[in-house]
C-alpha atoms as a PDB file:
ATOM      1  CA  UNK A   1       9.705  18.626  -2.265  1.00  0.00           C
ATOM      2  CA  UNK A   2      10.966  18.554  -5.779  1.00  0.00           C
ATOM      3  CA  UNK A   3       8.436  17.756  -8.562  1.00  0.00           C
ATOM      4  CA  UNK A   4       9.260  14.481 -10.249  1.00  0.00           C
ATOM      5  CA  UNK A   5       8.648  13.550 -13.918  1.00  0.00           C
ATOM      6  CA  UNK A   6       8.758  10.395 -15.745  1.00  0.00           C
ATOM      7  CA  UNK A   7      12.197  11.183 -16.833  1.00  0.00           C
ATOM      8  CA  UNK A   8      13.348  11.593 -13.271  1.00  0.00           C
ATOM      9  CA  UNK A   9      12.525   7.957 -12.135  1.00  0.00           C
ATOM     10  CA  UNK A  10      15.047   5.338 -11.800  1.00  0.00           C
ATOM     11  CA  UNK A  11      14.501   1.940 -11.335  1.00  0.00           C
ATOM     12  CA  UNK A  12      15.360   0.974  -7.576  1.00  0.00           C
ATOM     13  CA  UNK A  13      14.113   4.346  -6.344  1.00  0.00           C
ATOM     14  CA  UNK A  14      12.565   3.752  -3.033  1.00  0.00           C
ATOM     15  CA  UNK A  15      10.086   5.606  -0.878  1.00  0.00           C
ATOM     16  CA  UNK A  16       8.765   4.647   2.760  1.00  0.00           C
ATOM     17  CA  UNK A  17       5.457   5.716   3.935  1.00  0.00           C
ATOM     18  CA  UNK A  18       4.701   6.550   7.541  1.00  0.00           C
ATOM     19  CA  UNK A  19       4.333   3.625   9.906  1.00  0.00           C
ATOM     20  CA  UNK A  20       1.067   2.454  11.634  1.00  0.00           C
ATOM     21  CA  UNK A  21       0.245   0.398  14.540  1.00  0.00           C
ATOM     22  CA  UNK A  22      -2.983  -1.279  14.129  1.00  0.00           C
ATOM     23  CA  UNK A  23      -5.587  -0.959  16.676  1.00  0.00           C
ATOM     24  CA  UNK A  24      -9.196  -1.855  17.273  1.00  0.00           C
ATOM     25  CA  UNK A  25     -10.240   1.727  16.171  1.00  0.00           C
ATOM     26  CA  UNK A  26      -8.708   0.876  12.631  1.00  0.00           C
ATOM     27  CA  UNK A  27     -10.909  -2.375  12.401  1.00  0.00           C
ATOM     28  CA  UNK A  28     -14.186  -0.772  13.834  1.00  0.00           C
ATOM     29  CA  UNK A  29     -13.615   2.246  10.983  1.00  0.00           C
ATOM     30  CA  UNK A  30     -13.231  -0.177   8.235  1.00  0.00           C
ATOM     31  CA  UNK A  31     -16.357  -2.356   9.257  1.00  0.00           C
ATOM     32  CA  UNK A  32     -18.260   0.849   9.479  1.00  0.00           C
ATOM     33  CA  UNK A  33     -16.831   2.068   6.028  1.00  0.00           C
ATOM     34  CA  UNK A  34     -17.236  -1.154   4.088  1.00  0.00           C
ATOM     35  CA  UNK A  35     -19.998  -2.982   5.875  1.00  0.00           C
ATOM     36  CA  UNK A  36     -17.913  -5.992   6.230  1.00  0.00           C
ATOM     37  CA  UNK A  37     -18.726  -7.940   9.324  1.00  0.00           C
ATOM     38  CA  UNK A  38     -17.225 -11.067   9.086  1.00  0.00           C
ATOM     39  CA  UNK A  39     -16.562 -12.566  12.582  1.00  0.00           C
ATOM     40  CA  UNK A  40     -12.821 -13.409  11.638  1.00  0.00           C
ATOM     41  CA  UNK A  41     -12.231  -9.469  11.723  1.00  0.00           C
ATOM     42  CA  UNK A  42     -14.420  -8.350  14.665  1.00  0.00           C
ATOM     43  CA  UNK A  43     -15.665 -11.357  16.843  1.00  0.00           C
ATOM     44  CA  UNK A  44     -12.585 -12.113  19.412  1.00  0.00           C
ATOM     45  CA  UNK A  45     -14.229 -15.127  20.572  1.00  0.00           C
ATOM     46  CA  UNK A  46     -14.815 -16.587  17.061  1.00  0.00           C
ATOM     47  CA  UNK A  47     -11.372 -15.406  15.984  1.00  0.00           C
ATOM     48  CA  UNK A  48      -9.828 -17.067  18.984  1.00  0.00           C
ATOM     49  CA  UNK A  49     -10.965 -20.631  17.700  1.00  0.00           C
ATOM     50  CA  UNK A  50      -9.262 -20.125  14.387  1.00  0.00           C
ATOM     51  CA  UNK A  51      -5.648 -20.666  13.480  1.00  0.00           C
ATOM     52  CA  UNK A  52      -4.796 -17.020  13.881  1.00  0.00           C
ATOM     53  CA  UNK A  53      -6.199 -17.021  17.670  1.00  0.00           C
ATOM     54  CA  UNK A  54      -7.499 -13.408  17.400  1.00  0.00           C
ATOM     55  CA  UNK A  55      -8.905 -10.956  14.877  1.00  0.00           C
ATOM     56  CA  UNK A  56      -7.497 -10.641  11.631  1.00  0.00           C
ATOM     57  CA  UNK A  57      -7.146  -7.227   9.847  1.00  0.00           C
ATOM     58  CA  UNK A  58      -9.063  -7.248   6.539  1.00  0.00           C
ATOM     59  CA  UNK A  59      -6.777  -7.782   3.722  1.00  0.00           C
ATOM     60  CA  UNK A  60      -8.219  -4.340   1.835  1.00  0.00           C
ATOM     61  CA  UNK A  61      -7.431  -2.567   5.175  1.00  0.00           C
ATOM     62  CA  UNK A  62      -4.002  -3.648   4.737  1.00  0.00           C
ATOM     63  CA  UNK A  63      -3.871  -3.109   1.272  1.00  0.00           C
ATOM     64  CA  UNK A  64      -5.154   0.632   1.548  1.00  0.00           C
ATOM     65  CA  UNK A  65      -1.744   1.445   3.423  1.00  0.00           C
ATOM     66  CA  UNK A  66       0.015   1.082   0.065  1.00  0.00           C
ATOM     67  CA  UNK A  67      -1.909   3.979  -1.318  1.00  0.00           C
ATOM     68  CA  UNK A  68       0.734   6.345  -2.941  1.00  0.00           C
ATOM     69  CA  UNK A  69      -1.414   9.526  -1.804  1.00  0.00           C
ATOM     70  CA  UNK A  70      -0.319   8.650   1.583  1.00  0.00           C
ATOM     71  CA  UNK A  71       3.123   8.437   0.904  1.00  0.00           C
ATOM     72  CA  UNK A  72       6.039  11.068   0.069  1.00  0.00           C
ATOM     73  CA  UNK A  73       5.901   9.928  -3.487  1.00  0.00           C
ATOM     74  CA  UNK A  74       2.409  11.609  -3.873  1.00  0.00           C
ATOM     75  CA  UNK A  75       3.480  15.216  -3.554  1.00  0.00           C
ATOM     76  CA  UNK A  76       6.596  14.666  -5.805  1.00  0.00           C
ATOM     77  CA  UNK A  77       4.228  13.466  -8.472  1.00  0.00           C
ATOM     78  CA  UNK A  78       1.997  16.257  -8.050  1.00  0.00           C
ATOM     79  CA  UNK A  79       1.999  17.707 -11.328  1.00  0.00           C
ATOM     80  CA  UNK A  80       3.060  14.730 -13.179  1.00  0.00           C
ATOM     81  CA  UNK A  81       0.425  11.914 -12.347  1.00  0.00           C
ATOM     82  CA  UNK A  82      -2.041  11.272 -15.055  1.00  0.00           C
ATOM     83  CA  UNK A  83      -3.597   8.012 -13.973  1.00  0.00           C
ATOM     84  CA  UNK A  84      -3.597   5.122 -11.379  1.00  0.00           C
ATOM     85  CA  UNK A  85      -4.108   2.029 -14.085  1.00  0.00           C
ATOM     86  CA  UNK A  86      -3.824  -1.086 -12.111  1.00  0.00           C
ATOM     87  CA  UNK A  87      -2.951  -2.624  -8.692  1.00  0.00           C
ATOM     88  CA  UNK A  88      -2.438  -6.163  -7.375  1.00  0.00           C
ATOM     89  CA  UNK A  89      -1.097  -7.720  -4.197  1.00  0.00           C
ATOM     90  CA  UNK A  90      -0.520 -11.196  -2.191  1.00  0.00           C
ATOM     91  CA  UNK A  91      -1.141 -11.295   1.584  1.00  0.00           C
ATOM     92  CA  UNK A  92       1.594 -13.186   3.041  1.00  0.00           C
ATOM     93  CA  UNK A  93       1.264 -13.028   6.629  1.00  0.00           C
ATOM     94  CA  UNK A  94      -1.672 -12.201   8.922  1.00  0.00           C
ATOM     95  CA  UNK A  95      -1.957  -8.807  10.488  1.00  0.00           C
ATOM     96  CA  UNK A  96      -3.465  -8.407  14.011  1.00  0.00           C
ATOM     97  CA  UNK A  97      -4.126  -5.738  16.495  1.00  0.00           C
ATOM     98  CA  UNK A  98      -0.934  -4.370  17.736  1.00  0.00           C
ATOM     99  CA  UNK A  99       0.964  -4.967  14.631  1.00  0.00           C
ATOM    100  CA  UNK A 100       3.106  -1.828  13.371  1.00  0.00           C
ATOM    101  CA  UNK A 101       3.030  -1.787   9.598  1.00  0.00           C
ATOM    102  CA  UNK A 102       5.778  -0.078   7.339  1.00  0.00           C
ATOM    103  CA  UNK A 103       4.645   0.454   3.965  1.00  0.00           C
ATOM    104  CA  UNK A 104       7.343   0.855   1.087  1.00  0.00           C
ATOM    105  CA  UNK A 105       7.353   1.464  -2.702  1.00  0.00           C
ATOM    106  CA  UNK A 106      10.123   0.980  -5.180  1.00  0.00           C
ATOM    107  CA  UNK A 107      10.356   1.593  -8.906  1.00  0.00           C
ATOM    108  CA  UNK A 108      10.088  -2.027 -10.316  1.00  0.00           C
ATOM    109  CA  UNK A 109       9.548  -1.087 -14.075  1.00  0.00           C
ATOM    110  CA  UNK A 110       9.630   2.250 -16.410  1.00  0.00           C
ATOM    111  CA  UNK A 111       8.196   2.215 -20.072  1.00  0.00           C
ATOM    112  CA  UNK A 112       8.238   5.368 -21.954  1.00  0.00           C
ATOM    113  CA  UNK A 113       5.330   5.979 -24.511  1.00  0.00           C
ATOM    114  CA  UNK A 114       5.878   9.480 -26.124  1.00  0.00           C
ATOM    115  CA  UNK A 115       5.361  12.374 -23.786  1.00  0.00           C
ATOM    116  CA  UNK A 116       4.406   9.881 -20.851  1.00  0.00           C
ATOM    117  CA  UNK A 117       5.355   6.682 -19.490  1.00  0.00           C
ATOM    118  CA  UNK A 118       4.140   3.802 -17.351  1.00  0.00           C
ATOM    119  CA  UNK A 119       5.448   3.374 -14.001  1.00  0.00           C
ATOM    120  CA  UNK A 120       5.243   0.191 -12.125  1.00  0.00           C
ATOM    121  CA  UNK A 121       5.837   0.272  -8.296  1.00  0.00           C
ATOM    122  CA  UNK A 122       6.492  -2.642  -6.153  1.00  0.00           C
ATOM    123  CA  UNK A 123       4.440  -2.124  -3.054  1.00  0.00           C
ATOM    124  CA  UNK A 124       5.437  -3.985   0.189  1.00  0.00           C
ATOM    125  CA  UNK A 125       4.456  -3.902   3.548  1.00  0.00           C
ATOM    126  CA  UNK A 126       6.629  -5.279   6.439  1.00  0.00           C
ATOM    127  CA  UNK A 127       5.497  -5.744   9.995  1.00  0.00           C
ATOM    128  CA  UNK A 128       7.761  -4.959  13.215  1.00  0.00           C
ATOM    129  CA  UNK A 129       9.311  -8.063  12.900  1.00  0.00           C
ATOM    130  CA  UNK A 130      10.444  -7.114   9.498  1.00  0.00           C
ATOM    131  CA  UNK A 131       8.434  -9.757   7.967  1.00  0.00           C
ATOM    132  CA  UNK A 132       6.785  -8.958   4.476  1.00  0.00           C
ATOM    133  CA  UNK A 133       3.048  -9.240   5.139  1.00  0.00           C
ATOM    134  CA  UNK A 134       1.919  -7.765   1.742  1.00  0.00           C
ATOM    135  CA  UNK A 135       3.536  -7.898  -1.472  1.00  0.00           C
ATOM    136  CA  UNK A 136       2.051  -6.069  -4.324  1.00  0.00           C
ATOM    137  CA  UNK A 137       2.238  -3.650  -7.395  1.00  0.00           C
ATOM    138  CA  UNK A 138       0.619  -0.486  -8.624  1.00  0.00           C
ATOM    139  CA  UNK A 139       0.976   0.953 -12.261  1.00  0.00           C
ATOM    140  CA  UNK A 140       0.586   4.730 -13.010  1.00  0.00           C
ATOM    141  CA  UNK A 141       0.618   6.617 -16.269  1.00  0.00           C
ATOM    142  CA  UNK A 142       3.145   9.500 -15.574  1.00  0.00           C
ATOM    143  CA  UNK A 143       3.662  12.711 -17.646  1.00  0.00           C
ATOM    144  CA  UNK A 144       7.491  13.220 -18.908  1.00  0.00           C
ATOM    145  CA  UNK A 145       9.196  16.688 -18.074  1.00  0.00           C
ATOM    146  CA  UNK A 146       7.827  19.370 -20.258  1.00  0.00           C
ATOM    147  CA  UNK A 147      10.077  20.675 -23.120  1.00  0.00           C
END
């Protein structure tokens, strides 16, 4: 893939990340990694009594799927990426076992600062019904093309 520099980026540029169908192994791995053991995420009987009716994917598990490192964009910014500065998101719909998630990034803002620039990406995840389940952003510091 061709290297991208800050100067190459345009508002509205988009990248899709690989889709992922959430399964109970993802829940178990996340529990082991983080120590999060809230019953809403892991106890079927407890979760069945909630408004979700089934164990709910932890928000941070879902958010992790927006990692640029897991997208084609990561390899295109290989030499130009300086720093990951900020991230935020809103969780709009529940994610359950069996949901297929489709992460995407879109250039939302560009601010040049000398030989580098601040890149703001919109980060969204849609499910198999094309519903937005996560709406967020990432901010990066990216090098401009060398002279």
